């Protein structure tokens, strides 16, 4: 957890999704609403997998983003330790 501007408390976590030798990380950010940052594990070398990513705002909750990623059947989801 860290303090952002104007004293707002931000919290979140980090997930890793791996399948077929491809990896992405999802940074989950909560600052009064949920939002997500998705990227390749190593921004300098890795390419993003060709998995479809959909983002919508207010579908599940009027004040949060919904993130959907179509991953292969063998995908592994892991919660990563450390800061999001």
PDB file of N, CA and C in Angstrom:
ATOM      1  N   UNK A   1       0.843  -1.169   0.000  1.00  0.00           N
ATOM      2  CA  UNK A   1       0.000   0.000   0.000  1.00  0.00           C
ATOM      3  C   UNK A   1       0.890   1.235   0.000  1.00  0.00           C
ATOM      4  N   UNK A   2       0.511   2.234  -0.769  1.00  0.00           N
ATOM      5  CA  UNK A   2       1.295   3.464  -0.800  1.00  0.00           C
ATOM      6  C   UNK A   2       0.363   4.655  -0.874  1.00  0.00           C
ATOM      7  N   UNK A   3       0.872   5.798  -0.483  1.00  0.00           N
ATOM      8  CA  UNK A   3       0.076   7.019  -0.552  1.00  0.00           C
ATOM      9  C   UNK A   3       0.293   7.700  -1.886  1.00  0.00           C
ATOM     10  N   UNK A   4      -0.775   8.063  -2.520  1.00  0.00           N
ATOM     11  CA  UNK A   4      -0.696   8.794  -3.771  1.00  0.00           C
ATOM     12  C   UNK A   4      -0.859  10.273  -3.524  1.00  0.00           C
ATOM     13  N   UNK A   5      -1.041  11.030  -4.590  1.00  0.00           N
ATOM     14  CA  UNK A   5      -1.241  12.470  -4.474  1.00  0.00           C
ATOM     15  C   UNK A   5      -2.494  12.774  -3.668  1.00  0.00           C
ATOM     16  N   UNK A   6      -2.508  13.895  -3.042  1.00  0.00           N
ATOM     17  CA  UNK A   6      -3.657  14.391  -2.292  1.00  0.00           C
ATOM     18  C   UNK A   6      -4.034  13.478  -1.136  1.00  0.00           C
ATOM     19  N   UNK A   7      -3.121  12.605  -0.695  1.00  0.00           N
ATOM     20  CA  UNK A   7      -3.379  11.746   0.452  1.00  0.00           C
ATOM     21  C   UNK A   7      -4.298  10.563   0.171  1.00  0.00           C
ATOM     22  N   UNK A   8      -4.584  10.269  -1.084  1.00  0.00           N
ATOM     23  CA  UNK A   8      -5.428   9.136  -1.422  1.00  0.00           C
ATOM     24  C   UNK A   8      -4.654   7.842  -1.209  1.00  0.00           C
ATOM     25  N   UNK A   9      -5.268   6.879  -0.569  1.00  0.00           N
ATOM     26  CA  UNK A   9      -4.612   5.593  -0.351  1.00  0.00           C
ATOM     27  C   UNK A   9      -4.832   4.707  -1.573  1.00  0.00           C
ATOM     28  N   UNK A  10      -3.752   4.175  -2.104  1.00  0.00           N
ATOM     29  CA  UNK A  10      -3.800   3.260  -3.243  1.00  0.00           C
ATOM     30  C   UNK A  10      -3.338   1.893  -2.767  1.00  0.00           C
ATOM     31  N   UNK A  11      -4.021   0.871  -3.187  1.00  0.00           N
ATOM     32  CA  UNK A  11      -3.614  -0.486  -2.852  1.00  0.00           C
ATOM     33  C   UNK A  11      -3.835  -1.354  -4.086  1.00  0.00           C
ATOM     34  N   UNK A  12      -3.269  -2.510  -4.094  1.00  0.00           N
ATOM     35  CA  UNK A  12      -3.458  -3.386  -5.239  1.00  0.00           C
ATOM     36  C   UNK A  12      -2.585  -4.610  -5.139  1.00  0.00           C
ATOM     37  N   UNK A  13      -2.395  -5.267  -6.245  1.00  0.00           N
ATOM     38  CA  UNK A  13      -1.593  -6.468  -6.293  1.00  0.00           C
ATOM     39  C   UNK A  13      -1.109  -6.719  -7.698  1.00  0.00           C
ATOM     40  N   UNK A  14      -0.405  -7.831  -7.858  1.00  0.00           N
ATOM     41  CA  UNK A  14       0.154  -8.157  -9.161  1.00  0.00           C
ATOM     42  C   UNK A  14      -0.092  -9.633  -9.437  1.00  0.00           C
ATOM     43  N   UNK A  15      -0.520  -9.930 -10.659  1.00  0.00           N
ATOM     44  CA  UNK A  15      -0.778 -11.290 -11.105  1.00  0.00           C
ATOM     45  C   UNK A  15       0.109 -11.603 -12.293  1.00  0.00           C
ATOM     46  N   UNK A  16       0.412 -12.872 -12.452  1.00  0.00           N
ATOM     47  CA  UNK A  16       1.122 -13.343 -13.636  1.00  0.00           C
ATOM     48  C   UNK A  16       0.248 -14.397 -14.305  1.00  0.00           C
ATOM     49  N   UNK A  17       0.163 -14.332 -15.633  1.00  0.00           N
ATOM     50  CA  UNK A  17      -0.560 -15.339 -16.409  1.00  0.00           C
ATOM     51  C   UNK A  17       0.425 -15.906 -17.430  1.00  0.00           C
ATOM     52  N   UNK A  18       0.573 -17.227 -17.440  1.00  0.00           N
ATOM     53  CA  UNK A  18       1.516 -17.876 -18.339  1.00  0.00           C
ATOM     54  C   UNK A  18       0.829 -19.032 -19.063  1.00  0.00           C
ATOM     55  N   UNK A  19       1.148 -19.165 -20.340  1.00  0.00           N
ATOM     56  CA  UNK A  19       0.652 -20.292 -21.138  1.00  0.00           C
ATOM     57  C   UNK A  19       1.475 -20.381 -22.415  1.00  0.00           C
ATOM     58  N   UNK A  20       1.836 -21.595 -22.790  1.00  0.00           N
ATOM     59  CA  UNK A  20       2.535 -21.822 -24.056  1.00  0.00           C
ATOM     60  C   UNK A  20       3.807 -21.021 -24.214  1.00  0.00           C
ATOM     61  N   UNK A  21       4.550 -20.815 -23.134  1.00  0.00           N
ATOM     62  CA  UNK A  21       5.795 -20.060 -23.202  1.00  0.00           C
ATOM     63  C   UNK A  21       5.612 -18.557 -23.242  1.00  0.00           C
ATOM     64  N   UNK A  22       4.393 -18.067 -23.150  1.00  0.00           N
ATOM     65  CA  UNK A  22       4.108 -16.629 -23.138  1.00  0.00           C
ATOM     66  C   UNK A  22       3.693 -16.226 -21.726  1.00  0.00           C
ATOM     67  N   UNK A  23       4.013 -14.990 -21.358  1.00  0.00           N
ATOM     68  CA  UNK A  23       3.750 -14.478 -20.014  1.00  0.00           C
ATOM     69  C   UNK A  23       3.257 -13.049 -20.077  1.00  0.00           C
ATOM     70  N   UNK A  24       2.321 -12.703 -19.210  1.00  0.00           N
ATOM     71  CA  UNK A  24       1.966 -11.302 -19.010  1.00  0.00           C
ATOM     72  C   UNK A  24       1.840 -11.057 -17.512  1.00  0.00           C
ATOM     73  N   UNK A  25       1.963  -9.813 -17.124  1.00  0.00           N
ATOM     74  CA  UNK A  25       1.687  -9.415 -15.753  1.00  0.00           C
ATOM     75  C   UNK A  25       0.520  -8.446 -15.764  1.00  0.00           C
ATOM     76  N   UNK A  26      -0.306  -8.556 -14.742  1.00  0.00           N
ATOM     77  CA  UNK A  26      -1.451  -7.669 -14.574  1.00  0.00           C
ATOM     78  C   UNK A  26      -1.275  -6.962 -13.243  1.00  0.00           C
ATOM     79  N   UNK A  27      -1.183  -5.662 -13.289  1.00  0.00           N
ATOM     80  CA  UNK A  27      -1.089  -4.864 -12.073  1.00  0.00           C
ATOM     81  C   UNK A  27      -2.497  -4.390 -11.739  1.00  0.00           C
ATOM     82  N   UNK A  28      -2.983  -4.775 -10.566  1.00  0.00           N
ATOM     83  CA  UNK A  28      -4.332  -4.425 -10.119  1.00  0.00           C
ATOM     84  C   UNK A  28      -4.217  -3.230  -9.180  1.00  0.00           C
ATOM     85  N   UNK A  29      -4.929  -2.173  -9.476  1.00  0.00           N
ATOM     86  CA  UNK A  29      -4.800  -0.916  -8.733  1.00  0.00           C
ATOM     87  C   UNK A  29      -6.167  -0.531  -8.185  1.00  0.00           C
ATOM     88  N   UNK A  30      -6.210  -0.258  -6.886  1.00  0.00           N
ATOM     89  CA  UNK A  30      -7.450   0.208  -6.272  1.00  0.00           C
ATOM     90  C   UNK A  30      -7.220   1.566  -5.635  1.00  0.00           C
ATOM     91  N   UNK A  31      -7.958   2.551  -6.098  1.00  0.00           N
ATOM     92  CA  UNK A  31      -7.869   3.907  -5.534  1.00  0.00           C
ATOM     93  C   UNK A  31      -9.270   4.502  -5.422  1.00  0.00           C
ATOM     94  N   UNK A  32     -10.197   3.688  -4.929  1.00  0.00           N
ATOM     95  CA  UNK A  32     -11.589   4.071  -4.891  1.00  0.00           C
ATOM     96  C   UNK A  32     -12.380   3.367  -5.976  1.00  0.00           C
ATOM     97  N   UNK A  33     -11.700   2.875  -6.988  1.00  0.00           N
ATOM     98  CA  UNK A  33     -12.256   2.038  -8.052  1.00  0.00           C
ATOM     99  C   UNK A  33     -11.132   1.144  -8.565  1.00  0.00           C
ATOM    100  N   UNK A  34     -11.480   0.030  -9.178  1.00  0.00           N
ATOM    101  CA  UNK A  34     -10.469  -0.882  -9.710  1.00  0.00           C
ATOM    102  C   UNK A  34     -10.091  -0.491 -11.137  1.00  0.00           C
ATOM    103  N   UNK A  35      -8.788  -0.577 -11.414  1.00  0.00           N
ATOM    104  CA  UNK A  35      -8.282  -0.440 -12.775  1.00  0.00           C
ATOM    105  C   UNK A  35      -7.077  -1.358 -12.910  1.00  0.00           C
ATOM    106  N   UNK A  36      -6.644  -1.603 -14.143  1.00  0.00           N
ATOM    107  CA  UNK A  36      -5.619  -2.612 -14.393  1.00  0.00           C
ATOM    108  C   UNK A  36      -4.613  -2.126 -15.427  1.00  0.00           C
ATOM    109  N   UNK A  37      -3.365  -2.510 -15.227  1.00  0.00           N
ATOM    110  CA  UNK A  37      -2.312  -2.282 -16.214  1.00  0.00           C
ATOM    111  C   UNK A  37      -1.808  -3.657 -16.642  1.00  0.00           C
ATOM    112  N   UNK A  38      -1.782  -3.900 -17.942  1.00  0.00           N
ATOM    113  CA  UNK A  38      -1.381  -5.200 -18.478  1.00  0.00           C
ATOM    114  C   UNK A  38      -0.143  -4.999 -19.338  1.00  0.00           C
ATOM    115  N   UNK A  39       0.859  -5.854 -19.134  1.00  0.00           N
ATOM    116  CA  UNK A  39       2.063  -5.724 -19.941  1.00  0.00           C
ATOM    117  C   UNK A  39       2.857  -7.008 -20.003  1.00  0.00           C
ATOM    118  N   UNK A  40       3.804  -7.023 -20.921  1.00  0.00           N
ATOM    119  CA  UNK A  40       4.728  -8.148 -21.031  1.00  0.00           C
ATOM    120  C   UNK A  40       5.608  -8.180 -19.784  1.00  0.00           C
ATOM    121  N   UNK A  41       6.096  -9.354 -19.432  1.00  0.00           N
ATOM    122  CA  UNK A  41       6.891  -9.510 -18.213  1.00  0.00           C
ATOM    123  C   UNK A  41       8.157  -8.664 -18.274  1.00  0.00           C
ATOM    124  N   UNK A  42       8.849  -8.690 -19.393  1.00  0.00           N
ATOM    125  CA  UNK A  42      10.056  -7.881 -19.568  1.00  0.00           C
ATOM    126  C   UNK A  42       9.789  -6.912 -20.704  1.00  0.00           C
ATOM    127  N   UNK A  43       9.495  -5.682 -20.356  1.00  0.00           N
ATOM    128  CA  UNK A  43       9.109  -4.690 -21.346  1.00  0.00           C
ATOM    129  C   UNK A  43      10.142  -4.430 -22.426  1.00  0.00           C
ATOM    130  N   UNK A  44      11.414  -4.763 -22.168  1.00  0.00           N
ATOM    131  CA  UNK A  44      12.453  -4.515 -23.153  1.00  0.00           C
ATOM    132  C   UNK A  44      12.569  -5.637 -24.186  1.00  0.00           C
ATOM    133  N   UNK A  45      12.163  -6.847 -23.823  1.00  0.00           N
ATOM    134  CA  UNK A  45      12.413  -7.993 -24.707  1.00  0.00           C
ATOM    135  C   UNK A  45      11.161  -8.754 -25.110  1.00  0.00           C
ATOM    136  N   UNK A  46      10.277  -9.001 -24.158  1.00  0.00           N
ATOM    137  CA  UNK A  46       9.130  -9.858 -24.430  1.00  0.00           C
ATOM    138  C   UNK A  46       8.060  -9.130 -25.239  1.00  0.00           C
ATOM    139  N   UNK A  47       7.443  -9.863 -26.128  1.00  0.00           N
ATOM    140  CA  UNK A  47       6.303  -9.347 -26.874  1.00  0.00           C
ATOM    141  C   UNK A  47       5.036  -9.811 -26.174  1.00  0.00           C
ATOM    142  N   UNK A  48       3.987  -9.028 -26.327  1.00  0.00           N
ATOM    143  CA  UNK A  48       2.695  -9.420 -25.763  1.00  0.00           C
ATOM    144  C   UNK A  48       2.161 -10.625 -26.534  1.00  0.00           C
ATOM    145  N   UNK A  49       1.593 -11.605 -25.826  1.00  0.00           N
ATOM    146  CA  UNK A  49       0.957 -12.720 -26.527  1.00  0.00           C
ATOM    147  C   UNK A  49      -0.255 -12.223 -27.318  1.00  0.00           C
ATOM    148  N   UNK A  50      -0.665 -12.969 -28.282  1.00  0.00           N
ATOM    149  CA  UNK A  50      -1.803 -12.574 -29.105  1.00  0.00           C
ATOM    150  C   UNK A  50      -3.107 -13.059 -28.474  1.00  0.00           C
ATOM    151  N   UNK A  51      -3.279 -12.768 -27.189  1.00  0.00           N
ATOM    152  CA  UNK A  51      -4.508 -13.095 -26.470  1.00  0.00           C
ATOM    153  C   UNK A  51      -5.418 -11.875 -26.544  1.00  0.00           C
ATOM    154  N   UNK A  52      -6.700 -12.111 -26.814  1.00  0.00           N
ATOM    155  CA  UNK A  52      -7.640 -10.996 -26.882  1.00  0.00           C
ATOM    156  C   UNK A  52      -7.845 -10.407 -25.490  1.00  0.00           C
ATOM    157  N   UNK A  53      -7.760  -9.085 -25.404  1.00  0.00           N
ATOM    158  CA  UNK A  53      -7.964  -8.358 -24.147  1.00  0.00           C
ATOM    159  C   UNK A  53      -9.122  -7.391 -24.353  1.00  0.00           C
ATOM    160  N   UNK A  54     -10.097  -7.463 -23.449  1.00  0.00           N
ATOM    161  CA  UNK A  54     -11.243  -6.557 -23.486  1.00  0.00           C
ATOM    162  C   UNK A  54     -11.310  -5.778 -22.179  1.00  0.00           C
ATOM    163  N   UNK A  55     -11.532  -4.477 -22.305  1.00  0.00           N
ATOM    164  CA  UNK A  55     -11.694  -3.612 -21.136  1.00  0.00           C
ATOM    165  C   UNK A  55     -13.025  -2.888 -21.277  1.00  0.00           C
ATOM    166  N   UNK A  56     -13.793  -2.913 -20.212  1.00  0.00           N
ATOM    167  CA  UNK A  56     -15.045  -2.155 -20.193  1.00  0.00           C
ATOM    168  C   UNK A  56     -15.113  -1.388 -18.878  1.00  0.00           C
ATOM    169  N   UNK A  57     -15.854  -0.336 -18.878  1.00  0.00           N
ATOM    170  CA  UNK A  57     -15.999   0.499 -17.688  1.00  0.00           C
ATOM    171  C   UNK A  57     -17.457   0.490 -17.269  1.00  0.00           C
ATOM    172  N   UNK A  58     -17.718   0.115 -16.020  1.00  0.00           N
ATOM    173  CA  UNK A  58     -19.064   0.189 -15.475  1.00  0.00           C
ATOM    174  C   UNK A  58     -19.969  -0.979 -15.797  1.00  0.00           C
ATOM    175  N   UNK A  59     -19.458  -2.049 -16.415  1.00  0.00           N
ATOM    176  CA  UNK A  59     -20.306  -3.207 -16.711  1.00  0.00           C
ATOM    177  C   UNK A  59     -20.700  -3.968 -15.446  1.00  0.00           C
ATOM    178  N   UNK A  60     -19.718  -4.331 -14.642  1.00  0.00           N
ATOM    179  CA  UNK A  60     -19.963  -5.093 -13.422  1.00  0.00           C
ATOM    180  C   UNK A  60     -20.213  -4.191 -12.214  1.00  0.00           C
ATOM    181  N   UNK A  61     -19.619  -3.024 -12.255  1.00  0.00           N
ATOM    182  CA  UNK A  61     -19.741  -2.048 -11.180  1.00  0.00           C
ATOM    183  C   UNK A  61     -19.710  -0.668 -11.823  1.00  0.00           C
ATOM    184  N   UNK A  62     -20.521   0.258 -11.362  1.00  0.00           N
ATOM    185  CA  UNK A  62     -20.583   1.566 -12.028  1.00  0.00           C
ATOM    186  C   UNK A  62     -19.301   2.388 -11.904  1.00  0.00           C
ATOM    187  N   UNK A  63     -18.390   1.980 -11.068  1.00  0.00           N
ATOM    188  CA  UNK A  63     -17.197   2.789 -10.817  1.00  0.00           C
ATOM    189  C   UNK A  63     -15.888   2.020 -10.987  1.00  0.00           C
ATOM    190  N   UNK A  64     -15.918   0.859 -11.630  1.00  0.00           N
ATOM    191  CA  UNK A  64     -14.695   0.078 -11.798  1.00  0.00           C
ATOM    192  C   UNK A  64     -14.582  -0.484 -13.208  1.00  0.00           C
ATOM    193  N   UNK A  65     -13.347  -0.727 -13.599  1.00  0.00           N
ATOM    194  CA  UNK A  65     -13.047  -1.338 -14.892  1.00  0.00           C
ATOM    195  C   UNK A  65     -13.215  -2.851 -14.793  1.00  0.00           C
ATOM    196  N   UNK A  66     -13.668  -3.467 -15.875  1.00  0.00           N
ATOM    197  CA  UNK A  66     -13.690  -4.919 -15.994  1.00  0.00           C
ATOM    198  C   UNK A  66     -12.663  -5.297 -17.050  1.00  0.00           C
ATOM    199  N   UNK A  67     -11.790  -6.231 -16.705  1.00  0.00           N
ATOM    200  CA  UNK A  67     -10.744  -6.700 -17.611  1.00  0.00           C
ATOM    201  C   UNK A  67     -11.005  -8.163 -17.911  1.00  0.00           C
ATOM    202  N   UNK A  68     -11.084  -8.504 -19.195  1.00  0.00           N
ATOM    203  CA  UNK A  68     -11.250  -9.886 -19.622  1.00  0.00           C
ATOM    204  C   UNK A  68     -10.136 -10.220 -20.607  1.00  0.00           C
ATOM    205  N   UNK A  69      -9.488 -11.361 -20.390  1.00  0.00           N
ATOM    206  CA  UNK A  69      -8.401 -11.798 -21.264  1.00  0.00           C
ATOM    207  C   UNK A  69      -8.688 -13.240 -21.673  1.00  0.00           C
ATOM    208  N   UNK A  70      -8.746 -13.487 -22.988  1.00  0.00           N
ATOM    209  CA  UNK A  70      -8.923 -14.846 -23.497  1.00  0.00           C
ATOM    210  C   UNK A  70      -7.557 -15.519 -23.533  1.00  0.00           C
ATOM    211  N   UNK A  71      -7.366 -16.498 -22.656  1.00  0.00           N
ATOM    212  CA  UNK A  71      -6.087 -17.199 -22.559  1.00  0.00           C
ATOM    213  C   UNK A  71      -6.272 -18.654 -22.973  1.00  0.00           C
ATOM    214  N   UNK A  72      -5.180 -19.325 -23.345  1.00  0.00           N
ATOM    215  CA  UNK A  72      -5.279 -20.745 -23.696  1.00  0.00           C
ATOM    216  C   UNK A  72      -5.753 -21.578 -22.504  1.00  0.00           C
ATOM    217  N   UNK A  73      -6.265 -22.766 -22.804  1.00  0.00           N
ATOM    218  CA  UNK A  73      -6.784 -23.670 -21.770  1.00  0.00           C
ATOM    219  C   UNK A  73      -5.733 -24.031 -20.710  1.00  0.00           C
ATOM    220  N   UNK A  74      -4.462 -24.069 -21.094  1.00  0.00           N
ATOM    221  CA  UNK A  74      -3.415 -24.478 -20.152  1.00  0.00           C
ATOM    222  C   UNK A  74      -2.829 -23.302 -19.357  1.00  0.00           C
ATOM    223  N   UNK A  75      -3.490 -22.163 -19.372  1.00  0.00           N
ATOM    224  CA  UNK A  75      -2.962 -20.968 -18.686  1.00  0.00           C
ATOM    225  C   UNK A  75      -2.857 -21.195 -17.176  1.00  0.00           C
ATOM    226  N   UNK A  76      -1.806 -20.640 -16.609  1.00  0.00           N
ATOM    227  CA  UNK A  76      -1.553 -20.694 -15.171  1.00  0.00           C
ATOM    228  C   UNK A  76      -1.625 -19.282 -14.617  1.00  0.00           C
ATOM    229  N   UNK A  77      -2.383 -19.087 -13.545  1.00  0.00           N
ATOM    230  CA  UNK A  77      -2.522 -17.778 -12.894  1.00  0.00           C
ATOM    231  C   UNK A  77      -1.779 -17.843 -11.572  1.00  0.00           C
ATOM    232  N   UNK A  78      -0.956 -16.824 -11.304  1.00  0.00           N
ATOM    233  CA  UNK A  78      -0.202 -16.781 -10.043  1.00  0.00           C
ATOM    234  C   UNK A  78      -0.312 -15.374  -9.446  1.00  0.00           C
ATOM    235  N   UNK A  79      -0.472 -15.319  -8.138  1.00  0.00           N
ATOM    236  CA  UNK A  79      -0.438 -14.055  -7.418  1.00  0.00           C
ATOM    237  C   UNK A  79       1.002 -13.806  -7.018  1.00  0.00           C
ATOM    238  N   UNK A  80       1.548 -12.673  -7.398  1.00  0.00           N
ATOM    239  CA  UNK A  80       2.952 -12.360  -7.151  1.00  0.00           C
ATOM    240  C   UNK A  80       3.107 -11.547  -5.874  1.00  0.00           C
ATOM    241  N   UNK A  81       4.179 -11.807  -5.152  1.00  0.00           N
ATOM    242  CA  UNK A  81       4.459 -11.055  -3.937  1.00  0.00           C
ATOM    243  C   UNK A  81       5.109  -9.733  -4.296  1.00  0.00           C
ATOM    244  N   UNK A  82       5.018  -8.809  -3.384  1.00  0.00           N
ATOM    245  CA  UNK A  82       5.641  -7.502  -3.608  1.00  0.00           C
ATOM    246  C   UNK A  82       4.617  -6.474  -4.022  1.00  0.00           C
ATOM    247  N   UNK A  83       5.110  -5.309  -4.332  1.00  0.00           N
ATOM    248  CA  UNK A  83       4.237  -4.208  -4.702  1.00  0.00           C
ATOM    249  C   UNK A  83       3.617  -4.437  -6.053  1.00  0.00           C
ATOM    250  N   UNK A  84       2.349  -3.976  -6.206  1.00  0.00           N
ATOM    251  CA  UNK A  84       1.655  -4.083  -7.474  1.00  0.00           C
ATOM    252  C   UNK A  84       2.131  -3.047  -8.403  1.00  0.00           C
TER     253      UNK A  84
END
